Amino acid sequence: MTHLTRLLALCSVLILAACTKPVVWAPEEDVIAARYVHDGPTEIVVYNVISNESGRGEHAALLINASQRVLFDPAGSWTHPDSPERHDVHYGITPRQLFRYTYYHARRTHHVRIQHLEVPPATAEYILRLAEQNGPVADAYCARSIFDVLRQVPGFEGFEPSFYPNRLSEQFAQVPGVTEERIYSDAEPTERQQYTQ
């Protein structure tokens, strides 16, 4: 192996390492212990965190209420010890955890657009499995990874993939049956809003 070949191989490894997020894989016992079955309808819910200043969507996530309720938060920064994570899928999304997640994002600088869609139990379960199989998501791929999951589901094949959360919300809003709300808060943003009480 020549010096140039070694140098190129080293550069390739460093570039790949820079593009790879750390693997987060909670132990099986933690995931089982956190399991939460919500008594509401089986549904999927798109979250879009929007800048109050620019109107730009800055982060997207997908709540899935199937045989258990989980949050697919691709490339997200939210963590909590009561919601173990495996590759951007957070388990144990109780009402309290969902409140924490929502108000982690809703603050003076941002609001959250939340879009609900009831789906059949089998569809919700399929989307849950797709999210679990997706693997870790690179930064800036949040909306794109949700598009990639949903486009595998009958009824969503016509979605046009995009990296922009607002495009995800716009297309999702066109699906019959979608309802929405927006959450605002006057809370001051902190350097790291890790946990909301």
C-alpha atoms as a PDB file:
ATOM      1  CA  MET A   1       0.000   0.000   0.000  1.00  0.00           C
ATOM      2  CA  THR A   2       1.537   3.294  -1.072  1.00  0.00           C
ATOM      3  CA  HIS A   3       1.684   6.359   1.132  1.00  0.00           C
ATOM      4  CA  LEU A   4      -0.952   8.107  -1.039  1.00  0.00           C
ATOM      5  CA  THR A   5      -3.291   5.095  -0.856  1.00  0.00           C
ATOM      6  CA  ARG A   6      -2.966   4.994   2.939  1.00  0.00           C
ATOM      7  CA  LEU A   7      -3.640   8.727   3.159  1.00  0.00           C
ATOM      8  CA  LEU A   8      -6.756   8.428   0.968  1.00  0.00           C
ATOM      9  CA  ALA A   9      -8.036   5.493   3.019  1.00  0.00           C
ATOM     10  CA  LEU A  10      -7.516   7.437   6.259  1.00  0.00           C
ATOM     11  CA  CYS A  11      -9.325  10.490   4.828  1.00  0.00           C
ATOM     12  CA  SER A  12     -12.250   8.301   3.760  1.00  0.00           C
ATOM     13  CA  VAL A  13     -12.552   6.824   7.231  1.00  0.00           C
ATOM     14  CA  LEU A  14     -12.451  10.277   8.847  1.00  0.00           C
ATOM     15  CA  ILE A  15     -15.096  11.653   6.463  1.00  0.00           C
ATOM     16  CA  LEU A  16     -17.392   8.692   7.103  1.00  0.00           C
ATOM     17  CA  ALA A  17     -16.905   9.017  10.855  1.00  0.00           C
ATOM     18  CA  ALA A  18     -17.868  12.687  10.712  1.00  0.00           C
ATOM     19  CA  CYS A  19     -21.128  11.817   8.945  1.00  0.00           C
ATOM     20  CA  THR A  20     -22.118   9.080  11.348  1.00  0.00           C
ATOM     21  CA  LYS A  21     -24.124   9.729  14.499  1.00  0.00           C
ATOM     22  CA  PRO A  22     -23.314   7.766  17.628  1.00  0.00           C
ATOM     23  CA  VAL A  23     -25.345   4.588  17.892  1.00  0.00           C
ATOM     24  CA  VAL A  24     -28.028   4.830  20.578  1.00  0.00           C
ATOM     25  CA  TRP A  25     -29.431   1.428  21.460  1.00  0.00           C
ATOM     26  CA  ALA A  26     -31.198   1.123  24.802  1.00  0.00           C
ATOM     27  CA  PRO A  27     -31.108  -2.285  26.512  1.00  0.00           C
ATOM     28  CA  GLU A  28     -34.053  -4.578  25.845  1.00  0.00           C
ATOM     29  CA  GLU A  29     -35.142  -4.544  29.496  1.00  0.00           C
ATOM     30  CA  ASP A  30     -35.383  -0.733  29.455  1.00  0.00           C
ATOM     31  CA  VAL A  31     -37.474  -0.725  26.277  1.00  0.00           C
ATOM     32  CA  ILE A  32     -39.824  -3.391  27.682  1.00  0.00           C
ATOM     33  CA  ALA A  33     -40.158  -1.572  31.007  1.00  0.00           C
ATOM     34  CA  ALA A  34     -40.959   1.738  29.284  1.00  0.00           C
ATOM     35  CA  ARG A  35     -43.641   0.303  26.972  1.00  0.00           C
ATOM     36  CA  TYR A  36     -46.752   2.488  27.033  1.00  0.00           C
ATOM     37  CA  VAL A  37     -50.088   1.562  25.431  1.00  0.00           C
ATOM     38  CA  HIS A  38     -52.210   4.632  24.815  1.00  0.00           C
ATOM     39  CA  ASP A  39     -55.977   4.174  24.902  1.00  0.00           C
ATOM     40  CA  GLY A  40     -56.631   6.721  22.154  1.00  0.00           C
ATOM     41  CA  PRO A  41     -57.187   5.865  18.489  1.00  0.00           C
ATOM     42  CA  THR A  42     -54.390   4.368  16.444  1.00  0.00           C
ATOM     43  CA  GLU A  43     -52.856   7.326  14.689  1.00  0.00           C
ATOM     44  CA  ILE A  44     -49.771   9.025  13.374  1.00  0.00           C
ATOM     45  CA  VAL A  45     -48.940  12.607  14.298  1.00  0.00           C
ATOM     46  CA  VAL A  46     -46.523  14.884  12.449  1.00  0.00           C
ATOM     47  CA  TYR A  47     -44.660  17.427  14.592  1.00  0.00           C
ATOM     48  CA  ASN A  48     -43.103  20.463  12.904  1.00  0.00           C
ATOM     49  CA  VAL A  49     -41.039  22.893  15.003  1.00  0.00           C
ATOM     50  CA  ILE A  50     -41.390  26.307  13.340  1.00  0.00           C
ATOM     51  CA  SER A  51     -39.377  29.481  13.856  1.00  0.00           C
ATOM     52  CA  ASN A  52     -41.641  32.320  14.947  1.00  0.00           C
ATOM     53  CA  GLU A  53     -39.339  34.797  13.233  1.00  0.00           C
ATOM     54  CA  SER A  54     -38.868  33.210   9.807  1.00  0.00           C
ATOM     55  CA  GLY A  55     -41.778  30.754   9.598  1.00  0.00           C
ATOM     56  CA  ARG A  56     -39.273  28.081   8.584  1.00  0.00           C
ATOM     57  CA  GLY A  57     -39.772  24.544   9.847  1.00  0.00           C
ATOM     58  CA  GLU A  58     -36.618  23.564  11.695  1.00  0.00           C
ATOM     59  CA  HIS A  59     -37.326  20.040  12.926  1.00  0.00           C
ATOM     60  CA  ALA A  60     -39.838  17.276  12.242  1.00  0.00           C
ATOM     61  CA  ALA A  61     -40.849  14.174  14.185  1.00  0.00           C
ATOM     62  CA  LEU A  62     -43.498  11.466  13.928  1.00  0.00           C
ATOM     63  CA  LEU A  63     -45.563  10.183  16.862  1.00  0.00           C
ATOM     64  CA  ILE A  64     -46.923   6.683  16.246  1.00  0.00           C
ATOM     65  CA  ASN A  65     -49.744   5.235  18.335  1.00  0.00           C
ATOM     66  CA  ALA A  66     -49.893   1.541  17.455  1.00  0.00           C
ATOM     67  CA  SER A  67     -49.558  -1.480  19.774  1.00  0.00           C
ATOM     68  CA  GLN A  68     -47.519   0.961  21.851  1.00  0.00           C
ATOM     69  CA  ARG A  69     -46.934   4.691  21.541  1.00  0.00           C
ATOM     70  CA  VAL A  70     -43.485   5.750  20.383  1.00  0.00           C
ATOM     71  CA  LEU A  71     -41.856   8.858  18.979  1.00  0.00           C
ATOM     72  CA  PHE A  72     -39.721   8.707  15.848  1.00  0.00           C
ATOM     73  CA  ASP A  73     -37.539  11.787  16.388  1.00  0.00           C
ATOM     74  CA  PRO A  74     -34.995  11.557  13.565  1.00  0.00           C
ATOM     75  CA  ALA A  75     -31.797  13.497  14.201  1.00  0.00           C
ATOM     76  CA  GLY A  76     -33.499  15.016  17.252  1.00  0.00           C
ATOM     77  CA  SER A  77     -31.773  16.319  20.354  1.00  0.00           C
ATOM     78  CA  TRP A  78     -34.469  15.510  22.936  1.00  0.00           C
ATOM     79  CA  THR A  79     -33.677  12.770  25.434  1.00  0.00           C
ATOM     80  CA  HIS A  80     -35.202  11.662  28.722  1.00  0.00           C
ATOM     81  CA  PRO A  81     -34.323   8.710  30.987  1.00  0.00           C
ATOM     82  CA  ASP A  82     -37.978   7.598  31.071  1.00  0.00           C
ATOM     83  CA  SER A  83     -38.044   7.234  27.268  1.00  0.00           C
ATOM     84  CA  PRO A  84     -35.274   4.861  26.192  1.00  0.00           C
ATOM     85  CA  GLU A  85     -34.116   5.349  22.617  1.00  0.00           C
ATOM     86  CA  ARG A  86     -33.111   3.032  19.827  1.00  0.00           C
ATOM     87  CA  HIS A  87     -31.949   4.673  16.592  1.00  0.00           C
ATOM     88  CA  ASP A  88     -34.142   7.796  16.975  1.00  0.00           C
ATOM     89  CA  VAL A  89     -37.193   5.841  18.178  1.00  0.00           C
ATOM     90  CA  HIS A  90     -38.159   6.804  21.742  1.00  0.00           C
ATOM     91  CA  TYR A  91     -40.305   4.390  23.753  1.00  0.00           C
ATOM     92  CA  GLY A  92     -42.625   5.062  26.692  1.00  0.00           C
ATOM     93  CA  ILE A  93     -44.320   8.145  25.257  1.00  0.00           C
ATOM     94  CA  THR A  94     -46.841   8.687  28.033  1.00  0.00           C
ATOM     95  CA  PRO A  95     -48.875  11.927  28.165  1.00  0.00           C
ATOM     96  CA  ARG A  96     -46.225  13.381  30.505  1.00  0.00           C
ATOM     97  CA  GLN A  97     -43.396  12.485  28.142  1.00  0.00           C
ATOM     98  CA  LEU A  98     -45.297  13.911  25.183  1.00  0.00           C
ATOM     99  CA  PHE A  99     -45.823  17.141  27.140  1.00  0.00           C
ATOM    100  CA  ARG A 100     -42.090  17.258  27.891  1.00  0.00           C
ATOM    101  CA  TYR A 101     -41.230  16.713  24.238  1.00  0.00           C
ATOM    102  CA  THR A 102     -43.689  19.335  22.987  1.00  0.00           C
ATOM    103  CA  TYR A 103     -42.549  22.019  25.422  1.00  0.00           C
ATOM    104  CA  TYR A 104     -38.915  21.191  24.868  1.00  0.00           C
ATOM    105  CA  HIS A 105     -39.556  22.693  21.434  1.00  0.00           C
ATOM    106  CA  ALA A 106     -42.358  25.225  22.024  1.00  0.00           C
ATOM    107  CA  ARG A 107     -40.774  28.381  23.411  1.00  0.00           C
ATOM    108  CA  ARG A 108     -40.629  32.103  22.753  1.00  0.00           C
ATOM    109  CA  THR A 109     -38.650  31.571  19.550  1.00  0.00           C
ATOM    110  CA  HIS A 110     -40.562  28.574  18.137  1.00  0.00           C
ATOM    111  CA  HIS A 111     -44.026  27.037  18.027  1.00  0.00           C
ATOM    112  CA  VAL A 112     -45.071  23.493  17.162  1.00  0.00           C
ATOM    113  CA  ARG A 113     -47.485  22.541  14.390  1.00  0.00           C
ATOM    114  CA  ILE A 114     -49.081  19.196  15.273  1.00  0.00           C
ATOM    115  CA  GLN A 115     -51.058  17.215  12.676  1.00  0.00           C
ATOM    116  CA  HIS A 116     -53.101  14.132  13.651  1.00  0.00           C
ATOM    117  CA  LEU A 117     -54.308  11.376  11.357  1.00  0.00           C
ATOM    118  CA  GLU A 118     -56.221   8.313  12.528  1.00  0.00           C
ATOM    119  CA  VAL A 119     -55.114   5.182  10.694  1.00  0.00           C
ATOM    120  CA  PRO A 120     -56.131   1.509  10.923  1.00  0.00           C
ATOM    121  CA  PRO A 121     -54.260  -0.496  13.586  1.00  0.00           C
ATOM    122  CA  ALA A 122     -52.406  -2.536  10.954  1.00  0.00           C
ATOM    123  CA  THR A 123     -51.199   0.641   9.242  1.00  0.00           C
ATOM    124  CA  ALA A 124     -50.017   2.161  12.516  1.00  0.00           C
ATOM    125  CA  GLU A 125     -48.158  -1.049  13.342  1.00  0.00           C
ATOM    126  CA  TYR A 126     -46.532  -1.127   9.906  1.00  0.00           C
ATOM    127  CA  ILE A 127     -45.341   2.475  10.301  1.00  0.00           C
ATOM    128  CA  LEU A 128     -43.966   1.641  13.750  1.00  0.00           C
ATOM    129  CA  ARG A 129     -41.970  -1.268  12.297  1.00  0.00           C
ATOM    130  CA  LEU A 130     -40.658   0.914   9.445  1.00  0.00           C
ATOM    131  CA  ALA A 131     -39.504   3.568  11.919  1.00  0.00           C
ATOM    132  CA  GLU A 132     -37.762   0.927  14.043  1.00  0.00           C
ATOM    133  CA  GLN A 133     -36.015  -0.487  10.973  1.00  0.00           C
ATOM    134  CA  ASN A 134     -34.958   2.918   9.654  1.00  0.00           C
ATOM    135  CA  GLY A 135     -31.703   3.150  11.584  1.00  0.00           C
ATOM    136  CA  PRO A 136     -30.020   6.288  12.945  1.00  0.00           C
ATOM    137  CA  VAL A 137     -30.713   9.470  10.993  1.00  0.00           C
ATOM    138  CA  ALA A 138     -28.026  12.008  10.078  1.00  0.00           C
ATOM    139  CA  ASP A 139     -28.397  15.663  10.987  1.00  0.00           C
ATOM    140  CA  ALA A 140     -30.715  17.661   8.678  1.00  0.00           C
ATOM    141  CA  TYR A 141     -32.453  14.478   7.461  1.00  0.00           C
ATOM    142  CA  CYS A 142     -35.401  14.624   9.885  1.00  0.00           C
ATOM    143  CA  ALA A 143     -38.140  15.461   7.365  1.00  0.00           C
ATOM    144  CA  ARG A 144     -36.540  13.376   4.626  1.00  0.00           C
ATOM    145  CA  SER A 145     -36.434  10.259   6.823  1.00  0.00           C
ATOM    146  CA  ILE A 146     -40.129  10.657   7.724  1.00  0.00           C
ATOM    147  CA  PHE A 147     -40.945  10.969   4.020  1.00  0.00           C
ATOM    148  CA  ASP A 148     -38.910   7.806   3.390  1.00  0.00           C
ATOM    149  CA  VAL A 149     -40.914   5.913   6.023  1.00  0.00           C
ATOM    150  CA  LEU A 150     -44.350   7.162   4.945  1.00  0.00           C
ATOM    151  CA  ARG A 151     -43.790   6.652   1.216  1.00  0.00           C
ATOM    152  CA  GLN A 152     -43.614   2.889   1.886  1.00  0.00           C
ATOM    153  CA  VAL A 153     -47.178   2.959   3.235  1.00  0.00           C
ATOM    154  CA  PRO A 154     -50.240   2.601   0.975  1.00  0.00           C
ATOM    155  CA  GLY A 155     -51.895   5.995   0.635  1.00  0.00           C
ATOM    156  CA  PHE A 156     -48.673   7.958   1.069  1.00  0.00           C
ATOM    157  CA  GLU A 157     -46.767   6.783  -2.002  1.00  0.00           C
ATOM    158  CA  GLY A 158     -47.428  10.050  -3.817  1.00  0.00           C
ATOM    159  CA  PHE A 159     -45.556  12.182  -1.287  1.00  0.00           C
ATOM    160  CA  GLU A 160     -42.669  14.066  -2.896  1.00  0.00           C
ATOM    161  CA  PRO A 161     -39.617  13.709  -0.656  1.00  0.00           C
ATOM    162  CA  SER A 162     -38.020  16.857   0.734  1.00  0.00           C
ATOM    163  CA  PHE A 163     -35.571  17.897   3.409  1.00  0.00           C
ATOM    164  CA  TYR A 164     -37.913  20.658   4.590  1.00  0.00           C
ATOM    165  CA  PRO A 165     -40.327  20.113   7.515  1.00  0.00           C
ATOM    166  CA  ASN A 166     -42.768  22.656   6.055  1.00  0.00           C
ATOM    167  CA  ARG A 167     -43.034  20.589   2.862  1.00  0.00           C
ATOM    168  CA  LEU A 168     -43.808  17.555   5.017  1.00  0.00           C
ATOM    169  CA  SER A 169     -46.551  19.460   6.850  1.00  0.00           C
ATOM    170  CA  GLU A 170     -47.986  20.861   3.614  1.00  0.00           C
ATOM    171  CA  GLN A 171     -48.244  17.451   1.974  1.00  0.00           C
ATOM    172  CA  PHE A 172     -49.511  15.747   5.121  1.00  0.00           C
ATOM    173  CA  ALA A 173     -52.241  18.412   5.426  1.00  0.00           C
ATOM    174  CA  GLN A 174     -53.646  17.281   2.069  1.00  0.00           C
ATOM    175  CA  VAL A 175     -54.395  13.757   3.356  1.00  0.00           C
ATOM    176  CA  PRO A 176     -58.139  13.398   4.071  1.00  0.00           C
ATOM    177  CA  GLY A 177     -58.887  13.290   7.793  1.00  0.00           C
ATOM    178  CA  VAL A 178     -55.879  15.273   9.028  1.00  0.00           C
ATOM    179  CA  THR A 179     -56.615  17.653  11.903  1.00  0.00           C
ATOM    180  CA  GLU A 180     -54.134  20.075  13.382  1.00  0.00           C
ATOM    181  CA  GLU A 181     -53.276  22.348  16.256  1.00  0.00           C
ATOM    182  CA  ARG A 182     -50.431  24.715  17.073  1.00  0.00           C
ATOM    183  CA  ILE A 183     -48.706  24.979  20.434  1.00  0.00           C
ATOM    184  CA  TYR A 184     -47.155  28.285  21.526  1.00  0.00           C
ATOM    185  CA  SER A 185     -45.209  29.113  24.675  1.00  0.00           C
ATOM    186  CA  ASP A 186     -43.669  32.238  26.180  1.00  0.00           C
ATOM    187  CA  ALA A 187     -40.896  30.206  27.797  1.00  0.00           C
ATOM    188  CA  GLU A 188     -37.409  31.554  27.244  1.00  0.00           C
ATOM    189  CA  PRO A 189     -35.153  29.136  25.359  1.00  0.00           C
ATOM    190  CA  THR A 190     -32.304  27.721  27.393  1.00  0.00           C
ATOM    191  CA  GLU A 191     -28.895  26.646  26.187  1.00  0.00           C
ATOM    192  CA  ARG A 192     -29.990  23.026  26.430  1.00  0.00           C
ATOM    193  CA  GLN A 193     -33.628  22.358  27.220  1.00  0.00           C
ATOM    194  CA  GLN A 194     -33.003  18.803  28.273  1.00  0.00           C
ATOM    195  CA  TYR A 195     -35.916  18.133  30.588  1.00  0.00           C
ATOM    196  CA  THR A 196     -39.220  19.947  31.047  1.00  0.00           C
ATOM    197  CA  GLN A 197     -40.723  19.447  34.504  1.00  0.00           C
END
